[in-house]
Amino acid sequence: AAEKRTVFRGWLKNLFIGQSLLAIAISGLMVYDAIPGVQLDLSLRALGFWSYWLFVIPSLRARRPRGWEKRALNLAFLGSPLLTLGMPFLTKEPSLIWCANLALLLGCYAYGLAAGDGDGEVDSFSGPLRWLDFGS
């Protein structure tokens, strides 16, 4: 079945970018326990580093990017939970896990840009991973 492509207006794409940036800022405050007047429990600080997979990357993918950016976000979407699950074996510090996720996202963007693909279509996930690809 052919999927009907939705055309997003510029303001909506900008809203998704703003949502991602806001999620990065708020999660950064959470993992560094830097919210004035509040001391966050470790479980809330952990939500801060999980925010990349839960909020940031999905918001960027919701813009339905193409080409190199789609490839970069696909890699980040797969890599972030692996990194977030693996990092606690190396460190228990939420801010380091958050920074590692930020580095992963930026690294995926750098790789996608360097590898190219132009503005062409990048294949979606296949096999069992297709269930993770919510229409991008």
N, C-alpha and C. Protein backbone atom coordinates (compact mmCIF):
# COMPACT_ATOMS: atom_id res chain seq x y z
N ALA A 1 0.84 -1.18 0.00
CA ALA A 1 0.00 0.00 0.00
C ALA A 1 0.88 1.23 0.00
N ALA A 2 0.53 2.16 -0.83
CA ALA A 2 1.29 3.40 -0.92
C ALA A 2 0.92 4.32 0.22
N GLU A 3 1.92 4.87 0.85
CA GLU A 3 1.68 5.79 1.95
C GLU A 3 1.49 7.19 1.39
N LYS A 4 0.49 7.85 1.87
CA LYS A 4 0.25 9.22 1.44
C LYS A 4 1.24 10.13 2.16
N ARG A 5 2.03 10.86 1.39
CA ARG A 5 3.03 11.76 1.97
C ARG A 5 2.35 13.03 2.44
N THR A 6 2.57 13.38 3.67
CA THR A 6 2.03 14.60 4.22
C THR A 6 3.03 15.71 3.98
N VAL A 7 2.54 16.84 3.55
CA VAL A 7 3.41 17.99 3.35
C VAL A 7 3.29 18.88 4.58
N PHE A 8 4.39 19.04 5.28
CA PHE A 8 4.40 19.87 6.47
C PHE A 8 4.73 21.31 6.08
N ARG A 9 4.09 22.21 6.72
CA ARG A 9 4.41 23.62 6.53
C ARG A 9 5.67 23.94 7.33
N GLY A 10 6.33 25.01 6.92
CA GLY A 10 7.59 25.39 7.57
C GLY A 10 7.46 25.62 9.05
N TRP A 11 6.36 26.23 9.49
CA TRP A 11 6.20 26.52 10.92
C TRP A 11 6.12 25.25 11.74
N LEU A 12 5.52 24.20 11.17
CA LEU A 12 5.41 22.94 11.91
C LEU A 12 6.77 22.26 12.03
N LYS A 13 7.56 22.31 10.97
CA LYS A 13 8.91 21.75 11.05
C LYS A 13 9.73 22.52 12.09
N ASN A 14 9.56 23.84 12.10
CA ASN A 14 10.27 24.66 13.09
C ASN A 14 9.80 24.34 14.51
N LEU A 15 8.52 24.04 14.67
CA LEU A 15 8.00 23.66 15.97
C LEU A 15 8.67 22.38 16.47
N PHE A 16 8.84 21.40 15.58
CA PHE A 16 9.51 20.15 15.95
C PHE A 16 10.97 20.40 16.35
N ILE A 17 11.64 21.29 15.62
CA ILE A 17 13.03 21.63 15.97
C ILE A 17 13.06 22.31 17.34
N GLY A 18 12.15 23.25 17.56
CA GLY A 18 12.08 23.93 18.85
C GLY A 18 11.80 22.96 19.98
N GLN A 19 10.92 22.00 19.73
CA GLN A 19 10.60 20.99 20.73
C GLN A 19 11.85 20.17 21.07
N SER A 20 12.63 19.83 20.06
CA SER A 20 13.87 19.07 20.31
C SER A 20 14.86 19.88 21.13
N LEU A 21 15.04 21.14 20.77
CA LEU A 21 15.98 21.99 21.51
C LEU A 21 15.53 22.20 22.94
N LEU A 22 14.23 22.38 23.14
CA LEU A 22 13.70 22.53 24.49
C LEU A 22 13.91 21.25 25.31
N ALA A 23 13.70 20.09 24.68
CA ALA A 23 13.91 18.82 25.36
C ALA A 23 15.38 18.64 25.74
N ILE A 24 16.29 19.07 24.87
CA ILE A 24 17.72 18.98 25.20
C ILE A 24 18.04 19.88 26.40
N ALA A 25 17.51 21.10 26.39
CA ALA A 25 17.78 22.05 27.47
C ALA A 25 17.22 21.55 28.80
N ILE A 26 15.96 21.13 28.80
CA ILE A 26 15.33 20.67 30.05
C ILE A 26 15.99 19.39 30.56
N SER A 27 16.29 18.46 29.65
CA SER A 27 16.94 17.22 30.09
C SER A 27 18.34 17.49 30.61
N GLY A 28 19.02 18.48 30.03
CA GLY A 28 20.34 18.86 30.54
C GLY A 28 20.25 19.37 31.97
N LEU A 29 19.24 20.19 32.23
CA LEU A 29 19.03 20.66 33.59
C LEU A 29 18.72 19.50 34.54
N MET A 30 17.97 18.53 34.03
CA MET A 30 17.61 17.37 34.87
C MET A 30 18.83 16.53 35.23
N VAL A 31 19.66 16.19 34.24
CA VAL A 31 20.78 15.30 34.54
C VAL A 31 21.85 15.97 35.39
N TYR A 32 21.98 17.29 35.27
CA TYR A 32 22.95 18.01 36.09
C TYR A 32 22.34 18.44 37.43
N ASP A 33 21.07 18.07 37.67
CA ASP A 33 20.36 18.43 38.88
C ASP A 33 20.48 19.94 39.11
N ALA A 34 20.19 20.69 38.05
CA ALA A 34 20.39 22.14 38.06
C ALA A 34 19.08 22.92 38.01
N ILE A 35 17.99 22.31 38.40
CA ILE A 35 16.72 23.03 38.46
C ILE A 35 16.68 23.75 39.80
N PRO A 36 16.62 25.08 39.77
CA PRO A 36 16.69 25.86 41.02
C PRO A 36 15.60 25.48 42.02
N GLY A 37 16.00 25.28 43.26
CA GLY A 37 15.08 25.01 44.34
C GLY A 37 14.55 23.58 44.41
N VAL A 38 15.04 22.71 43.53
CA VAL A 38 14.54 21.34 43.49
C VAL A 38 15.74 20.39 43.45
N GLN A 39 15.68 19.35 44.26
CA GLN A 39 16.68 18.29 44.17
C GLN A 39 15.99 17.08 43.57
N LEU A 40 16.43 16.68 42.40
CA LEU A 40 15.78 15.61 41.66
C LEU A 40 16.26 14.24 42.12
N ASP A 41 15.33 13.32 42.18
CA ASP A 41 15.61 11.93 42.46
C ASP A 41 16.39 11.34 41.27
N LEU A 42 17.15 10.31 41.52
CA LEU A 42 17.94 9.68 40.46
C LEU A 42 17.07 9.20 39.30
N SER A 43 15.85 8.74 39.59
CA SER A 43 14.97 8.26 38.52
C SER A 43 14.60 9.40 37.55
N LEU A 44 14.41 10.61 38.06
CA LEU A 44 14.12 11.75 37.19
C LEU A 44 15.36 12.21 36.44
N ARG A 45 16.51 12.10 37.06
CA ARG A 45 17.75 12.42 36.35
C ARG A 45 17.99 11.42 35.23
N ALA A 46 17.62 10.14 35.47
CA ALA A 46 17.74 9.13 34.41
C ALA A 46 16.79 9.43 33.26
N LEU A 47 15.61 9.93 33.56
CA LEU A 47 14.69 10.35 32.48
C LEU A 47 15.36 11.41 31.61
N GLY A 48 16.21 12.22 32.21
CA GLY A 48 16.93 13.23 31.44
C GLY A 48 17.79 12.64 30.34
N PHE A 49 18.53 11.57 30.63
CA PHE A 49 19.36 11.01 29.56
C PHE A 49 18.56 10.13 28.61
N TRP A 50 17.44 9.59 29.06
CA TRP A 50 16.57 8.83 28.15
C TRP A 50 15.80 9.77 27.21
N SER A 51 15.78 11.05 27.51
CA SER A 51 15.00 11.99 26.70
C SER A 51 15.47 12.05 25.25
N TYR A 52 16.72 11.71 24.99
CA TYR A 52 17.17 11.71 23.59
C TYR A 52 16.35 10.71 22.77
N TRP A 53 16.19 9.51 23.31
CA TRP A 53 15.46 8.48 22.57
C TRP A 53 13.95 8.71 22.64
N LEU A 54 13.47 9.25 23.75
CA LEU A 54 12.04 9.42 23.94
C LEU A 54 11.48 10.68 23.28
N PHE A 55 12.25 11.77 23.27
CA PHE A 55 11.71 13.05 22.81
C PHE A 55 12.52 13.72 21.70
N VAL A 56 13.83 13.83 21.88
CA VAL A 56 14.65 14.62 20.96
C VAL A 56 14.68 14.01 19.56
N ILE A 57 15.13 12.79 19.45
CA ILE A 57 15.26 12.15 18.14
C ILE A 57 13.89 11.96 17.47
N PRO A 58 12.85 11.50 18.20
CA PRO A 58 11.54 11.41 17.54
C PRO A 58 11.01 12.76 17.04
N SER A 59 11.29 13.84 17.76
CA SER A 59 10.85 15.15 17.30
C SER A 59 11.56 15.54 16.00
N LEU A 60 12.84 15.24 15.93
CA LEU A 60 13.58 15.55 14.70
C LEU A 60 13.14 14.65 13.55
N ARG A 61 12.82 13.40 13.85
CA ARG A 61 12.35 12.47 12.81
C ARG A 61 10.93 12.81 12.35
N ALA A 62 10.15 13.46 13.22
CA ALA A 62 8.77 13.80 12.86
C ALA A 62 8.70 14.79 11.71
N ARG A 63 9.79 15.49 11.46
CA ARG A 63 9.85 16.42 10.32
C ARG A 63 9.95 15.69 8.99
N ARG A 64 10.12 14.38 9.06
CA ARG A 64 10.29 13.52 7.88
C ARG A 64 11.42 14.02 6.98
N PRO A 65 12.63 14.07 7.55
CA PRO A 65 13.77 14.50 6.74
C PRO A 65 14.09 13.47 5.67
N ARG A 66 14.87 13.89 4.70
CA ARG A 66 15.28 12.99 3.62
C ARG A 66 16.80 12.95 3.54
N GLY A 67 17.27 12.04 2.74
CA GLY A 67 18.70 11.98 2.43
C GLY A 67 19.55 11.72 3.65
N TRP A 68 20.66 12.46 3.72
CA TRP A 68 21.66 12.23 4.76
C TRP A 68 21.09 12.45 6.16
N GLU A 69 20.18 13.41 6.32
CA GLU A 69 19.64 13.67 7.65
C GLU A 69 18.77 12.51 8.13
N LYS A 70 18.01 11.91 7.24
CA LYS A 70 17.20 10.75 7.62
C LYS A 70 18.10 9.60 8.05
N ARG A 71 19.17 9.36 7.29
CA ARG A 71 20.11 8.30 7.67
C ARG A 71 20.72 8.59 9.04
N ALA A 72 21.11 9.84 9.28
CA ALA A 72 21.71 10.21 10.56
C ALA A 72 20.74 9.97 11.71
N LEU A 73 19.49 10.37 11.53
CA LEU A 73 18.50 10.19 12.59
C LEU A 73 18.12 8.73 12.79
N ASN A 74 18.11 7.95 11.72
CA ASN A 74 17.88 6.52 11.85
C ASN A 74 18.97 5.87 12.70
N LEU A 75 20.23 6.23 12.41
CA LEU A 75 21.35 5.69 13.20
C LEU A 75 21.27 6.12 14.65
N ALA A 76 20.94 7.39 14.88
CA ALA A 76 20.84 7.89 16.25
C ALA A 76 19.69 7.20 16.99
N PHE A 77 18.59 6.96 16.28
CA PHE A 77 17.43 6.32 16.90
C PHE A 77 17.75 4.89 17.32
N LEU A 78 18.57 4.21 16.54
CA LEU A 78 18.98 2.84 16.91
C LEU A 78 20.11 2.84 17.94
N GLY A 79 21.00 3.80 17.84
CA GLY A 79 22.17 3.83 18.71
C GLY A 79 21.90 4.35 20.11
N SER A 80 20.96 5.28 20.24
CA SER A 80 20.71 5.89 21.55
C SER A 80 20.29 4.89 22.63
N PRO A 81 19.33 4.00 22.37
CA PRO A 81 18.99 3.06 23.46
C PRO A 81 20.13 2.10 23.78
N LEU A 82 20.91 1.71 22.77
CA LEU A 82 22.05 0.82 23.04
C LEU A 82 23.08 1.53 23.92
N LEU A 83 23.35 2.78 23.58
CA LEU A 83 24.30 3.57 24.36
C LEU A 83 23.78 3.79 25.78
N THR A 84 22.50 4.14 25.89
CA THR A 84 21.91 4.45 27.19
C THR A 84 21.84 3.21 28.08
N LEU A 85 21.64 2.05 27.49
CA LEU A 85 21.64 0.82 28.28
C LEU A 85 23.05 0.36 28.63
N GLY A 86 24.02 0.65 27.77
CA GLY A 86 25.39 0.20 28.00
C GLY A 86 26.21 1.10 28.90
N MET A 87 25.97 2.40 28.86
CA MET A 87 26.78 3.35 29.63
C MET A 87 26.76 3.13 31.14
N PRO A 88 25.65 2.71 31.75
CA PRO A 88 25.68 2.51 33.21
C PRO A 88 26.69 1.44 33.66
N PHE A 89 27.16 0.60 32.73
CA PHE A 89 28.21 -0.35 33.09
C PHE A 89 29.55 0.35 33.21
N LEU A 90 29.67 1.54 32.60
CA LEU A 90 30.92 2.30 32.65
C LEU A 90 30.88 3.43 33.67
N THR A 91 29.70 4.03 33.84
CA THR A 91 29.56 5.16 34.77
C THR A 91 28.15 5.19 35.31
N LYS A 92 28.01 5.68 36.50
CA LYS A 92 26.69 5.85 37.12
C LYS A 92 26.26 7.31 37.10
N GLU A 93 27.03 8.16 36.47
CA GLU A 93 26.77 9.60 36.46
C GLU A 93 25.81 9.96 35.31
N PRO A 94 24.59 10.40 35.61
CA PRO A 94 23.61 10.71 34.56
C PRO A 94 24.10 11.75 33.55
N SER A 95 24.88 12.73 34.02
CA SER A 95 25.34 13.78 33.10
C SER A 95 26.30 13.22 32.04
N LEU A 96 27.10 12.23 32.39
CA LEU A 96 28.00 11.63 31.40
C LEU A 96 27.22 10.82 30.37
N ILE A 97 26.17 10.15 30.79
CA ILE A 97 25.34 9.38 29.86
C ILE A 97 24.60 10.35 28.93
N TRP A 98 24.13 11.47 29.47
CA TRP A 98 23.46 12.50 28.67
C TRP A 98 24.44 13.06 27.63
N CYS A 99 25.67 13.37 28.07
CA CYS A 99 26.69 13.90 27.14
C CYS A 99 27.04 12.88 26.06
N ALA A 100 27.08 11.61 26.42
CA ALA A 100 27.36 10.56 25.43
C ALA A 100 26.25 10.50 24.39
N ASN A 101 25.00 10.67 24.81
CA ASN A 101 23.88 10.70 23.87
C ASN A 101 23.95 11.93 22.96
N LEU A 102 24.34 13.07 23.52
CA LEU A 102 24.50 14.27 22.70
C LEU A 102 25.61 14.05 21.67
N ALA A 103 26.72 13.47 22.12
CA ALA A 103 27.84 13.19 21.21
C ALA A 103 27.41 12.21 20.11
N LEU A 104 26.61 11.21 20.48
CA LEU A 104 26.10 10.26 19.49
C LEU A 104 25.24 10.97 18.46
N LEU A 105 24.32 11.81 18.90
CA LEU A 105 23.45 12.53 17.96
C LEU A 105 24.27 13.41 17.03
N LEU A 106 25.20 14.18 17.58
CA LEU A 106 26.04 15.04 16.75
C LEU A 106 26.94 14.22 15.83
N GLY A 107 27.46 13.11 16.34
CA GLY A 107 28.29 12.23 15.52
C GLY A 107 27.52 11.62 14.37
N CYS A 108 26.27 11.24 14.61
CA CYS A 108 25.43 10.68 13.54
C CYS A 108 25.15 11.74 12.48
N TYR A 109 24.90 12.97 12.92
CA TYR A 109 24.72 14.06 11.96
C TYR A 109 26.00 14.29 11.14
N ALA A 110 27.15 14.26 11.81
CA ALA A 110 28.42 14.46 11.11
C ALA A 110 28.66 13.33 10.11
N TYR A 111 28.39 12.09 10.53
CA TYR A 111 28.55 10.95 9.63
C TYR A 111 27.60 11.06 8.44
N GLY A 112 26.34 11.36 8.71
CA GLY A 112 25.36 11.48 7.63
C GLY A 112 25.74 12.55 6.63
N LEU A 113 26.22 13.68 7.13
CA LEU A 113 26.63 14.77 6.25
C LEU A 113 27.87 14.39 5.44
N ALA A 114 28.83 13.73 6.09
CA ALA A 114 30.06 13.33 5.39
C ALA A 114 29.80 12.22 4.37
N ALA A 115 28.91 11.29 4.72
CA ALA A 115 28.62 10.16 3.83
C ALA A 115 27.80 10.60 2.62
N GLY A 116 27.07 11.69 2.78
CA GLY A 116 26.31 12.19 1.65
C GLY A 116 24.93 11.59 1.53
N ASP A 117 24.56 11.16 0.38
CA ASP A 117 23.26 10.68 -0.04
C ASP A 117 22.45 11.79 -0.67
N GLY A 118 22.99 13.00 -0.68
CA GLY A 118 22.27 14.09 -1.32
C GLY A 118 20.91 14.28 -0.68
N ASP A 119 19.94 14.59 -1.52
CA ASP A 119 18.58 14.78 -1.03
C ASP A 119 17.69 13.61 -1.41
N GLY A 120 18.30 12.52 -1.83
CA GLY A 120 17.52 11.37 -2.27
C GLY A 120 16.86 10.63 -1.14
N GLU A 121 16.08 9.65 -1.49
CA GLU A 121 15.37 8.83 -0.50
C GLU A 121 16.35 7.86 0.15
N VAL A 122 16.24 7.72 1.43
CA VAL A 122 16.97 6.72 2.19
C VAL A 122 15.96 5.67 2.58
N ASP A 123 16.34 4.42 2.42
CA ASP A 123 15.42 3.34 2.76
C ASP A 123 15.02 3.41 4.22
N SER A 124 13.79 3.02 4.48
CA SER A 124 13.31 2.92 5.85
C SER A 124 13.85 1.64 6.46
N PHE A 125 13.57 1.45 7.75
CA PHE A 125 13.99 0.23 8.41
C PHE A 125 13.30 -0.96 7.75
N SER A 126 13.97 -2.11 7.82
CA SER A 126 13.36 -3.33 7.28
C SER A 126 13.37 -4.41 8.36
N GLY A 127 12.67 -5.48 8.09
CA GLY A 127 12.60 -6.57 9.06
C GLY A 127 11.90 -6.13 10.33
N PRO A 128 12.31 -6.70 11.47
CA PRO A 128 11.67 -6.36 12.74
C PRO A 128 11.82 -4.88 13.10
N LEU A 129 12.87 -4.22 12.60
CA LEU A 129 13.09 -2.81 12.92
C LEU A 129 12.03 -1.91 12.31
N ARG A 130 11.31 -2.40 11.31
CA ARG A 130 10.29 -1.53 10.68
C ARG A 130 9.22 -1.11 11.67
N TRP A 131 9.03 -1.88 12.76
CA TRP A 131 8.04 -1.52 13.77
C TRP A 131 8.48 -0.30 14.56
N LEU A 132 9.77 0.04 14.50
CA LEU A 132 10.27 1.24 15.17
C LEU A 132 10.14 2.48 14.29
N ASP A 133 9.86 2.29 13.01
CA ASP A 133 9.85 3.41 12.06
C ASP A 133 8.42 3.89 11.90
N PHE A 134 8.06 4.88 12.68
CA PHE A 134 6.69 5.38 12.70
C PHE A 134 6.44 6.33 11.54
N GLY A 135 6.48 5.80 10.32
CA GLY A 135 6.07 6.56 9.15
C GLY A 135 7.07 7.56 8.64
N SER A 136 8.31 7.52 9.08
CA SER A 136 9.27 8.49 8.55
C SER A 136 9.76 8.08 7.19
